Amino acid sequence: MSVSPIGGVYRITVNRPGDRPMFYIGQAKDLKRRWIYHLSALRCKRHRNTHLQHAYAKYGESALSCQTILVCSPHNFCMYEQAILDSYPQDQVYNIHKTCVSTRLGVPQSESTRARIGVSNLGKKRTEETKARIGAAQAWKRTGDGRARMSVAQTGKKLSDETRRRISVAHTGRKMSPESIAKGQATRRAQAAIYGKPMNAMKGKKVSAEALANRAEARAKNAAIRGYSRSEQAIQNIAAANKRRAGILHTPEHRAKIGEASRRVWATKRAERHQGAMA
């Protein structure tokens, strides 16, 4: 299988013993991922192209292969796909639609368009039937094998600085609703009841040297902001206090009081630093 991990036009070939091969022509921004999608849909017997699904059932997966025909920009996908599709005899392709419909694939949307789409989707709720279908389709992720597969797929992946910045901006200022907080607390209570103790996701995990270095760098930055550094004894005392508080669930009112107190303390410290700098 010679599939490129970039975008362009691809061809799926179905080798039929004693007969001429059949083809399926398509386009994708990520050719490798699209081929994986085709195989997954065919294996689950839910491929949208019935011709290709019947061929898979009759000749088997070994009869199918995927080739990259052309690598191009998303703006030219439809043009090249149509030209390639027209070059094949119409009775030798599995494509149901013989005309490539132009899409907005690769065309960036303006901020106003994004805002209108967001407003139009705001408040929409899925039906119980839709939720059940989504849950059934995602059930494999909750199995041991599914978790292992997802872990392997994410191993070694590193987010770029730009992606990390965008995630940070998207989450800055976001507050959980009282309903979400209550659900999270109920989940933690249920887990504690099942396992007989509060859940600790980090328990037993070993911290890498890189993570330790990142922590040290963060502590140094915080010390520069505060104007002083904590002693090792103070750090140990804080860690012990946090360990004692593990599993304690605060009410929304308590959380609000803690946040307000913290903001007052930091406002006072910033004012003191400002006065010191002016002096």
C-alpha atoms as a PDB file:
ATOM      1  CA  MET A   1       0.000   0.000   0.000  1.00  0.00           C
ATOM      2  CA  SER A   2       1.578   3.254  -1.136  1.00  0.00           C
ATOM      3  CA  VAL A   3      -0.472   5.918   0.650  1.00  0.00           C
ATOM      4  CA  SER A   4       0.884   9.380   1.289  1.00  0.00           C
ATOM      5  CA  PRO A   5       0.208  11.124   4.645  1.00  0.00           C
ATOM      6  CA  ILE A   6      -0.579  14.374   2.808  1.00  0.00           C
ATOM      7  CA  GLY A   7      -3.531  15.626   0.769  1.00  0.00           C
ATOM      8  CA  GLY A   8      -4.533  14.870  -2.792  1.00  0.00           C
ATOM      9  CA  VAL A   9      -6.430  12.385  -4.964  1.00  0.00           C
ATOM     10  CA  TYR A  10      -6.304   8.625  -4.339  1.00  0.00           C
ATOM     11  CA  ARG A  11      -7.517   5.430  -5.986  1.00  0.00           C
ATOM     12  CA  ILE A  12      -8.754   2.232  -4.367  1.00  0.00           C
ATOM     13  CA  THR A  13      -8.203  -0.790  -6.578  1.00  0.00           C
ATOM     14  CA  VAL A  14     -10.277  -3.967  -6.232  1.00  0.00           C
ATOM     15  CA  ASN A  15      -8.555  -6.917  -7.909  1.00  0.00           C
ATOM     16  CA  ARG A  16     -11.217  -9.410  -9.008  1.00  0.00           C
ATOM     17  CA  PRO A  17      -9.930 -12.887  -9.914  1.00  0.00           C
ATOM     18  CA  GLY A  18     -10.707 -13.727 -13.529  1.00  0.00           C
ATOM     19  CA  ASP A  19     -12.161 -10.285 -14.222  1.00  0.00           C
ATOM     20  CA  ARG A  20     -10.933  -6.751 -14.816  1.00  0.00           C
ATOM     21  CA  PRO A  21     -10.161  -4.639 -11.721  1.00  0.00           C
ATOM     22  CA  MET A  22     -12.566  -2.036 -10.409  1.00  0.00           C
ATOM     23  CA  PHE A  23     -11.632   1.368  -9.023  1.00  0.00           C
ATOM     24  CA  TYR A  24     -12.851   3.965  -6.577  1.00  0.00           C
ATOM     25  CA  ILE A  25     -11.553   7.540  -6.937  1.00  0.00           C
ATOM     26  CA  GLY A  26     -11.561   9.953  -4.004  1.00  0.00           C
ATOM     27  CA  GLN A  27      -9.933  12.988  -2.429  1.00  0.00           C
ATOM     28  CA  ALA A  28      -8.720  13.707   1.097  1.00  0.00           C
ATOM     29  CA  LYS A  29      -6.710  16.223   3.086  1.00  0.00           C
ATOM     30  CA  ASP A  30      -4.948  13.314   4.814  1.00  0.00           C
ATOM     31  CA  LEU A  31      -4.681  10.366   2.436  1.00  0.00           C
ATOM     32  CA  LYS A  32      -3.336   7.934   4.989  1.00  0.00           C
ATOM     33  CA  ARG A  33      -6.127   8.654   7.447  1.00  0.00           C
ATOM     34  CA  ARG A  34      -8.774   8.371   4.715  1.00  0.00           C
ATOM     35  CA  TRP A  35      -7.525   4.890   3.753  1.00  0.00           C
ATOM     36  CA  ILE A  36      -7.711   3.867   7.419  1.00  0.00           C
ATOM     37  CA  TYR A  37     -11.282   5.208   7.525  1.00  0.00           C
ATOM     38  CA  HIS A  38     -12.254   3.167   4.443  1.00  0.00           C
ATOM     39  CA  LEU A  39     -10.876  -0.025   5.969  1.00  0.00           C
ATOM     40  CA  SER A  40     -12.553   0.627   9.312  1.00  0.00           C
ATOM     41  CA  ALA A  41     -15.945   1.278   7.681  1.00  0.00           C
ATOM     42  CA  LEU A  42     -15.640  -1.794   5.477  1.00  0.00           C
ATOM     43  CA  ARG A  43     -14.685  -4.032   8.386  1.00  0.00           C
ATOM     44  CA  CYS A  44     -17.658  -2.763  10.392  1.00  0.00           C
ATOM     45  CA  LYS A  45     -19.992  -3.268   7.393  1.00  0.00           C
ATOM     46  CA  ARG A  46     -21.096   0.361   7.410  1.00  0.00           C
ATOM     47  CA  HIS A  47     -19.355   1.834   4.376  1.00  0.00           C
ATOM     48  CA  ARG A  48     -21.474   4.431   2.564  1.00  0.00           C
ATOM     49  CA  ASN A  49     -20.517   3.060  -0.851  1.00  0.00           C
ATOM     50  CA  THR A  50     -22.509  -0.149  -1.237  1.00  0.00           C
ATOM     51  CA  HIS A  51     -20.536  -1.257  -4.319  1.00  0.00           C
ATOM     52  CA  LEU A  52     -17.270  -1.124  -2.410  1.00  0.00           C
ATOM     53  CA  GLN A  53     -18.849  -2.835   0.605  1.00  0.00           C
ATOM     54  CA  HIS A  54     -20.156  -5.710  -1.538  1.00  0.00           C
ATOM     55  CA  ALA A  55     -16.752  -6.089  -3.217  1.00  0.00           C
ATOM     56  CA  TYR A  56     -15.072  -6.230   0.197  1.00  0.00           C
ATOM     57  CA  ALA A  57     -17.493  -8.936   1.344  1.00  0.00           C
ATOM     58  CA  LYS A  58     -17.018 -10.964  -1.845  1.00  0.00           C
ATOM     59  CA  TYR A  59     -13.260 -10.702  -2.518  1.00  0.00           C
ATOM     60  CA  GLY A  60     -11.873  -9.941   0.941  1.00  0.00           C
ATOM     61  CA  GLU A  61      -9.607  -7.216   2.261  1.00  0.00           C
ATOM     62  CA  SER A  62      -6.533  -8.631   0.526  1.00  0.00           C
ATOM     63  CA  ALA A  63      -8.090  -7.764  -2.855  1.00  0.00           C
ATOM     64  CA  LEU A  64      -8.134  -4.055  -2.005  1.00  0.00           C
ATOM     65  CA  SER A  65      -5.215  -1.661  -2.295  1.00  0.00           C
ATOM     66  CA  CYS A  66      -4.890   2.110  -2.182  1.00  0.00           C
ATOM     67  CA  GLN A  67      -2.596   4.305  -4.281  1.00  0.00           C
ATOM     68  CA  THR A  68      -1.850   8.007  -4.216  1.00  0.00           C
ATOM     69  CA  ILE A  69      -2.483   9.362  -7.727  1.00  0.00           C
ATOM     70  CA  LEU A  70      -1.881  13.060  -7.234  1.00  0.00           C
ATOM     71  CA  VAL A  71      -0.724  15.383  -4.462  1.00  0.00           C
ATOM     72  CA  CYS A  72      -2.167  18.897  -4.622  1.00  0.00           C
ATOM     73  CA  SER A  73      -3.627  21.733  -2.563  1.00  0.00           C
ATOM     74  CA  PRO A  74      -7.204  21.420  -1.226  1.00  0.00           C
ATOM     75  CA  HIS A  75      -8.405  24.138  -3.612  1.00  0.00           C
ATOM     76  CA  ASN A  76      -7.654  21.842  -6.569  1.00  0.00           C
ATOM     77  CA  PHE A  77      -9.043  18.573  -5.160  1.00  0.00           C
ATOM     78  CA  CYS A  78     -12.321  18.613  -7.090  1.00  0.00           C
ATOM     79  CA  MET A  79     -10.757  19.715 -10.364  1.00  0.00           C
ATOM     80  CA  TYR A  80      -8.176  16.927 -10.424  1.00  0.00           C
ATOM     81  CA  GLU A  81     -10.530  14.283  -9.037  1.00  0.00           C
ATOM     82  CA  GLN A  82     -13.060  15.041 -11.775  1.00  0.00           C
ATOM     83  CA  ALA A  83     -10.367  14.893 -14.476  1.00  0.00           C
ATOM     84  CA  ILE A  84      -9.077  11.540 -13.181  1.00  0.00           C
ATOM     85  CA  LEU A  85     -12.585  10.134 -12.759  1.00  0.00           C
ATOM     86  CA  ASP A  86     -13.468  11.096 -16.352  1.00  0.00           C
ATOM     87  CA  SER A  87     -10.392   9.264 -17.636  1.00  0.00           C
ATOM     88  CA  TYR A  88     -11.763   5.867 -16.497  1.00  0.00           C
ATOM     89  CA  PRO A  89     -14.587   3.918 -18.162  1.00  0.00           C
ATOM     90  CA  GLN A  90     -17.752   4.707 -16.206  1.00  0.00           C
ATOM     91  CA  ASP A  91     -18.582   1.001 -15.798  1.00  0.00           C
ATOM     92  CA  GLN A  92     -15.178   0.361 -14.201  1.00  0.00           C
ATOM     93  CA  VAL A  93     -15.496   2.719 -11.224  1.00  0.00           C
ATOM     94  CA  TYR A  94     -17.406   2.176  -7.996  1.00  0.00           C
ATOM     95  CA  ASN A  95     -18.089   5.893  -7.491  1.00  0.00           C
ATOM     96  CA  ILE A  96     -21.827   6.406  -7.063  1.00  0.00           C
ATOM     97  CA  HIS A  97     -21.614  10.090  -7.962  1.00  0.00           C
ATOM     98  CA  LYS A  98     -19.764  10.621 -11.211  1.00  0.00           C
ATOM     99  CA  THR A  99     -19.601  14.410 -10.741  1.00  0.00           C
ATOM    100  CA  CYS A 100     -17.375  15.925  -8.073  1.00  0.00           C
ATOM    101  CA  VAL A 101     -19.267  18.601  -6.183  1.00  0.00           C
ATOM    102  CA  SER A 102     -17.185  21.624  -5.255  1.00  0.00           C
ATOM    103  CA  THR A 103     -16.925  22.085  -1.495  1.00  0.00           C
ATOM    104  CA  ARG A 104     -15.437  24.654   0.890  1.00  0.00           C
ATOM    105  CA  LEU A 105     -12.664  22.207   1.776  1.00  0.00           C
ATOM    106  CA  GLY A 106      -9.486  24.169   2.425  1.00  0.00           C
ATOM    107  CA  VAL A 107     -11.240  27.551   2.325  1.00  0.00           C
ATOM    108  CA  PRO A 108     -10.766  29.366   5.672  1.00  0.00           C
ATOM    109  CA  GLN A 109     -13.909  30.791   7.255  1.00  0.00           C
ATOM    110  CA  SER A 110     -14.070  34.370   8.494  1.00  0.00           C
ATOM    111  CA  GLU A 111     -14.549  35.168  12.168  1.00  0.00           C
ATOM    112  CA  SER A 112     -18.062  36.458  11.480  1.00  0.00           C
ATOM    113  CA  THR A 113     -18.996  33.177   9.766  1.00  0.00           C
ATOM    114  CA  ARG A 114     -17.569  31.185  12.676  1.00  0.00           C
ATOM    115  CA  ALA A 115     -19.565  33.339  15.085  1.00  0.00           C
ATOM    116  CA  ARG A 116     -22.806  32.801  13.128  1.00  0.00           C
ATOM    117  CA  ILE A 117     -22.260  29.036  13.068  1.00  0.00           C
ATOM    118  CA  GLY A 118     -21.595  29.070  16.813  1.00  0.00           C
ATOM    119  CA  VAL A 119     -24.756  31.062  17.521  1.00  0.00           C
ATOM    120  CA  SER A 120     -26.874  28.798  15.309  1.00  0.00           C
ATOM    121  CA  ASN A 121     -25.638  25.693  17.167  1.00  0.00           C
ATOM    122  CA  LEU A 122     -25.959  27.266  20.606  1.00  0.00           C
ATOM    123  CA  GLY A 123     -28.588  25.603  22.748  1.00  0.00           C
ATOM    124  CA  LYS A 124     -29.151  22.646  20.424  1.00  0.00           C
ATOM    125  CA  LYS A 125     -29.693  19.423  22.352  1.00  0.00           C
ATOM    126  CA  ARG A 126     -29.302  15.885  21.061  1.00  0.00           C
ATOM    127  CA  THR A 127     -32.206  13.484  21.428  1.00  0.00           C
ATOM    128  CA  GLU A 128     -31.888  10.471  23.708  1.00  0.00           C
ATOM    129  CA  GLU A 129     -31.802   8.231  20.638  1.00  0.00           C
ATOM    130  CA  THR A 130     -28.900  10.215  19.162  1.00  0.00           C
ATOM    131  CA  LYS A 131     -27.041  10.088  22.472  1.00  0.00           C
ATOM    132  CA  ALA A 132     -27.540   6.319  22.604  1.00  0.00           C
ATOM    133  CA  ARG A 133     -26.177   5.884  19.065  1.00  0.00           C
ATOM    134  CA  ILE A 134     -23.133   8.030  19.821  1.00  0.00           C
ATOM    135  CA  GLY A 135     -22.524   6.105  23.038  1.00  0.00           C
ATOM    136  CA  ALA A 136     -22.738   2.770  21.233  1.00  0.00           C
ATOM    137  CA  ALA A 137     -20.345   3.960  18.515  1.00  0.00           C
ATOM    138  CA  GLN A 138     -17.831   5.155  21.116  1.00  0.00           C
ATOM    139  CA  ALA A 139     -18.169   2.127  23.408  1.00  0.00           C
ATOM    140  CA  TRP A 140     -14.925   0.569  22.161  1.00  0.00           C
ATOM    141  CA  LYS A 141     -12.962   3.453  23.702  1.00  0.00           C
ATOM    142  CA  ARG A 142     -14.019   2.349  27.179  1.00  0.00           C
ATOM    143  CA  THR A 143     -12.682  -1.190  26.797  1.00  0.00           C
ATOM    144  CA  GLY A 144      -9.177  -2.212  27.817  1.00  0.00           C
ATOM    145  CA  ASP A 145      -8.175  -2.819  24.205  1.00  0.00           C
ATOM    146  CA  GLY A 146      -9.615   0.540  23.129  1.00  0.00           C
ATOM    147  CA  ARG A 147      -7.720   2.421  25.813  1.00  0.00           C
ATOM    148  CA  ALA A 148      -4.503   0.656  24.816  1.00  0.00           C
ATOM    149  CA  ARG A 149      -5.021   1.548  21.145  1.00  0.00           C
ATOM    150  CA  MET A 150      -5.638   5.207  21.958  1.00  0.00           C
ATOM    151  CA  SER A 151      -2.592   5.279  24.206  1.00  0.00           C
ATOM    152  CA  VAL A 152      -0.377   3.865  21.437  1.00  0.00           C
ATOM    153  CA  ALA A 153      -1.813   6.345  18.919  1.00  0.00           C
ATOM    154  CA  GLN A 154      -0.980   9.310  21.175  1.00  0.00           C
ATOM    155  CA  THR A 155       2.444   8.095  22.314  1.00  0.00           C
ATOM    156  CA  GLY A 156       5.228  10.357  21.100  1.00  0.00           C
ATOM    157  CA  LYS A 157       2.911  13.083  19.829  1.00  0.00           C
ATOM    158  CA  LYS A 158       3.902  16.606  20.843  1.00  0.00           C
ATOM    159  CA  LEU A 159       1.763  19.685  20.449  1.00  0.00           C
ATOM    160  CA  SER A 160       3.369  22.670  18.764  1.00  0.00           C
ATOM    161  CA  ASP A 161       3.814  25.906  20.714  1.00  0.00           C
ATOM    162  CA  GLU A 162       1.106  27.529  18.585  1.00  0.00           C
ATOM    163  CA  THR A 163      -1.367  24.718  19.328  1.00  0.00           C
ATOM    164  CA  ARG A 164      -0.586  24.890  23.032  1.00  0.00           C
ATOM    165  CA  ARG A 165      -1.112  28.658  22.975  1.00  0.00           C
ATOM    166  CA  ARG A 166      -4.480  28.321  21.210  1.00  0.00           C
ATOM    167  CA  ILE A 167      -5.649  25.693  23.715  1.00  0.00           C
ATOM    168  CA  SER A 168      -4.589  27.959  26.570  1.00  0.00           C
ATOM    169  CA  VAL A 169      -6.441  30.940  25.107  1.00  0.00           C
ATOM    170  CA  ALA A 170      -9.559  28.846  24.495  1.00  0.00           C
ATOM    171  CA  HIS A 171      -9.658  27.711  28.132  1.00  0.00           C
ATOM    172  CA  THR A 172      -8.670  31.014  29.742  1.00  0.00           C
ATOM    173  CA  GLY A 173     -11.541  32.441  31.760  1.00  0.00           C
ATOM    174  CA  ARG A 174     -13.748  29.414  31.157  1.00  0.00           C
ATOM    175  CA  LYS A 175     -15.776  28.580  34.244  1.00  0.00           C
ATOM    176  CA  MET A 176     -17.591  25.362  35.009  1.00  0.00           C
ATOM    177  CA  SER A 177     -21.305  25.641  35.641  1.00  0.00           C
ATOM    178  CA  PRO A 178     -22.669  24.568  39.053  1.00  0.00           C
ATOM    179  CA  GLU A 179     -24.309  21.635  37.267  1.00  0.00           C
ATOM    180  CA  SER A 180     -20.957  20.468  35.839  1.00  0.00           C
ATOM    181  CA  ILE A 181     -19.274  20.873  39.226  1.00  0.00           C
ATOM    182  CA  ALA A 182     -22.030  18.853  40.883  1.00  0.00           C
ATOM    183  CA  LYS A 183     -21.702  16.092  38.275  1.00  0.00           C
ATOM    184  CA  GLY A 184     -17.940  15.923  38.787  1.00  0.00           C
ATOM    185  CA  GLN A 185     -18.362  15.716  42.554  1.00  0.00           C
ATOM    186  CA  ALA A 186     -20.956  12.957  42.205  1.00  0.00           C
ATOM    187  CA  THR A 187     -18.603  11.006  39.917  1.00  0.00           C
ATOM    188  CA  ARG A 188     -15.713  11.301  42.369  1.00  0.00           C
ATOM    189  CA  ARG A 189     -17.942  10.178  45.239  1.00  0.00           C
ATOM    190  CA  ALA A 190     -19.076   7.153  43.220  1.00  0.00           C
ATOM    191  CA  GLN A 191     -15.464   6.265  42.377  1.00  0.00           C
ATOM    192  CA  ALA A 192     -14.455   6.621  46.022  1.00  0.00           C
ATOM    193  CA  ALA A 193     -17.323   4.329  47.028  1.00  0.00           C
ATOM    194  CA  ILE A 194     -16.278   1.710  44.467  1.00  0.00           C
ATOM    195  CA  TYR A 195     -12.556   1.728  45.256  1.00  0.00           C
ATOM    196  CA  GLY A 196     -12.862   2.524  48.945  1.00  0.00           C
ATOM    197  CA  LYS A 197     -10.697   5.642  48.698  1.00  0.00           C
ATOM    198  CA  PRO A 198     -10.493   8.882  46.713  1.00  0.00           C
ATOM    199  CA  MET A 199      -9.246   8.427  43.164  1.00  0.00           C
ATOM    200  CA  ASN A 200      -5.760   9.752  42.467  1.00  0.00           C
ATOM    201  CA  ALA A 201      -4.819   9.646  38.808  1.00  0.00           C
ATOM    202  CA  MET A 202      -1.117  10.307  39.552  1.00  0.00           C
ATOM    203  CA  LYS A 203      -0.704   7.596  42.182  1.00  0.00           C
ATOM    204  CA  GLY A 204       2.033   5.143  41.225  1.00  0.00           C
ATOM    205  CA  LYS A 205       3.139   7.178  38.226  1.00  0.00           C
ATOM    206  CA  LYS A 206       6.797   8.052  37.846  1.00  0.00           C
ATOM    207  CA  VAL A 207       7.662  11.632  37.004  1.00  0.00           C
ATOM    208  CA  SER A 208      10.096  12.005  34.115  1.00  0.00           C
ATOM    209  CA  ALA A 209      13.253  14.100  34.320  1.00  0.00           C
ATOM    210  CA  GLU A 210      11.734  16.517  31.821  1.00  0.00           C
ATOM    211  CA  ALA A 211       8.627  16.975  33.997  1.00  0.00           C
ATOM    212  CA  LEU A 212      10.794  17.599  37.061  1.00  0.00           C
ATOM    213  CA  ALA A 213      12.774  20.203  35.122  1.00  0.00           C
ATOM    214  CA  ASN A 214       9.547  21.881  34.021  1.00  0.00           C
ATOM    215  CA  ARG A 215       8.350  22.002  37.631  1.00  0.00           C
ATOM    216  CA  ALA A 216      11.618  23.547  38.768  1.00  0.00           C
ATOM    217  CA  GLU A 217      11.377  26.151  36.013  1.00  0.00           C
ATOM    218  CA  ALA A 218       7.777  26.961  37.001  1.00  0.00           C
ATOM    219  CA  ARG A 219       8.767  27.321  40.654  1.00  0.00           C
ATOM    220  CA  ALA A 220      11.571  29.696  39.655  1.00  0.00           C
ATOM    221  CA  LYS A 221       9.139  31.836  37.631  1.00  0.00           C
ATOM    222  CA  ASN A 222       6.667  31.921  40.517  1.00  0.00           C
ATOM    223  CA  ALA A 223       9.459  32.890  42.919  1.00  0.00           C
ATOM    224  CA  ALA A 224      10.401  35.767  40.614  1.00  0.00           C
ATOM    225  CA  ILE A 225       6.787  36.949  40.602  1.00  0.00           C
ATOM    226  CA  ARG A 226       6.424  36.670  44.382  1.00  0.00           C
ATOM    227  CA  GLY A 227       9.784  38.257  45.034  1.00  0.00           C
ATOM    228  CA  TYR A 228      10.957  35.366  47.198  1.00  0.00           C
ATOM    229  CA  SER A 229      11.481  31.613  46.917  1.00  0.00           C
ATOM    230  CA  ARG A 230      10.033  28.916  49.157  1.00  0.00           C
ATOM    231  CA  SER A 231      12.335  26.713  51.169  1.00  0.00           C
ATOM    232  CA  GLU A 232      12.363  22.969  50.709  1.00  0.00           C
ATOM    233  CA  GLN A 233      10.652  22.629  54.088  1.00  0.00           C
ATOM    234  CA  ALA A 234       7.857  24.955  52.961  1.00  0.00           C
ATOM    235  CA  ILE A 235       7.414  22.972  49.747  1.00  0.00           C
ATOM    236  CA  GLN A 236       7.190  19.735  51.763  1.00  0.00           C
ATOM    237  CA  ASN A 237       4.648  21.296  54.131  1.00  0.00           C
ATOM    238  CA  ILE A 238       2.483  22.403  51.202  1.00  0.00           C
ATOM    239  CA  ALA A 239       2.703  18.924  49.623  1.00  0.00           C
ATOM    240  CA  ALA A 240       1.690  17.298  52.920  1.00  0.00           C
ATOM    241  CA  ALA A 241      -1.246  19.693  53.299  1.00  0.00           C
ATOM    242  CA  ASN A 242      -2.404  18.969  49.760  1.00  0.00           C
ATOM    243  CA  LYS A 243      -2.168  15.236  50.438  1.00  0.00           C
ATOM    244  CA  ARG A 244      -4.334  15.606  53.526  1.00  0.00           C
ATOM    245  CA  ARG A 245      -6.897  17.555  51.505  1.00  0.00           C
ATOM    246  CA  ALA A 246      -7.025  14.936  48.726  1.00  0.00           C
ATOM    247  CA  GLY A 247     -10.582  13.824  48.077  1.00  0.00           C
ATOM    248  CA  ILE A 248     -12.166  16.752  49.974  1.00  0.00           C
ATOM    249  CA  LEU A 249     -14.975  18.198  47.876  1.00  0.00           C
ATOM    250  CA  HIS A 250     -15.752  21.896  48.262  1.00  0.00           C
ATOM    251  CA  THR A 251     -19.162  23.367  47.644  1.00  0.00           C
ATOM    252  CA  PRO A 252     -19.490  26.060  44.928  1.00  0.00           C
ATOM    253  CA  GLU A 253     -19.892  28.682  47.692  1.00  0.00           C
ATOM    254  CA  HIS A 254     -16.683  27.499  49.393  1.00  0.00           C
ATOM    255  CA  ARG A 255     -14.814  27.555  46.083  1.00  0.00           C
ATOM    256  CA  ALA A 256     -16.016  31.106  45.458  1.00  0.00           C
ATOM    257  CA  LYS A 257     -14.786  32.200  48.905  1.00  0.00           C
ATOM    258  CA  ILE A 258     -11.372  30.608  48.324  1.00  0.00           C
ATOM    259  CA  GLY A 259     -11.083  32.327  44.942  1.00  0.00           C
ATOM    260  CA  GLU A 260     -12.051  35.721  46.355  1.00  0.00           C
ATOM    261  CA  ALA A 261      -9.550  35.389  49.208  1.00  0.00           C
ATOM    262  CA  SER A 262      -6.788  34.404  46.799  1.00  0.00           C
ATOM    263  CA  ARG A 263      -7.535  37.376  44.559  1.00  0.00           C
ATOM    264  CA  ARG A 264      -7.372  39.761  47.522  1.00  0.00           C
ATOM    265  CA  VAL A 265      -4.020  38.366  48.646  1.00  0.00           C
ATOM    266  CA  TRP A 266      -2.491  38.660  45.186  1.00  0.00           C
ATOM    267  CA  ALA A 267      -3.921  42.155  44.671  1.00  0.00           C
ATOM    268  CA  THR A 268      -2.270  43.256  47.921  1.00  0.00           C
ATOM    269  CA  LYS A 269       1.067  41.712  46.894  1.00  0.00           C
ATOM    270  CA  ARG A 270       0.954  43.354  43.465  1.00  0.00           C
ATOM    271  CA  ALA A 271       0.218  46.722  45.056  1.00  0.00           C
ATOM    272  CA  GLU A 272       3.152  46.284  47.453  1.00  0.00           C
ATOM    273  CA  ARG A 273       5.526  45.398  44.596  1.00  0.00           C
ATOM    274  CA  HIS A 274       4.295  48.380  42.602  1.00  0.00           C
ATOM    275  CA  GLN A 275       4.888  50.749  45.513  1.00  0.00           C
ATOM    276  CA  GLY A 276       8.357  49.285  46.018  1.00  0.00           C
ATOM    277  CA  ALA A 277       9.206  49.792  42.341  1.00  0.00           C
ATOM    278  CA  MET A 278       7.975  53.421  42.452  1.00  0.00           C
ATOM    279  CA  ALA A 279      10.071  54.126  45.553  1.00  0.00           C
END
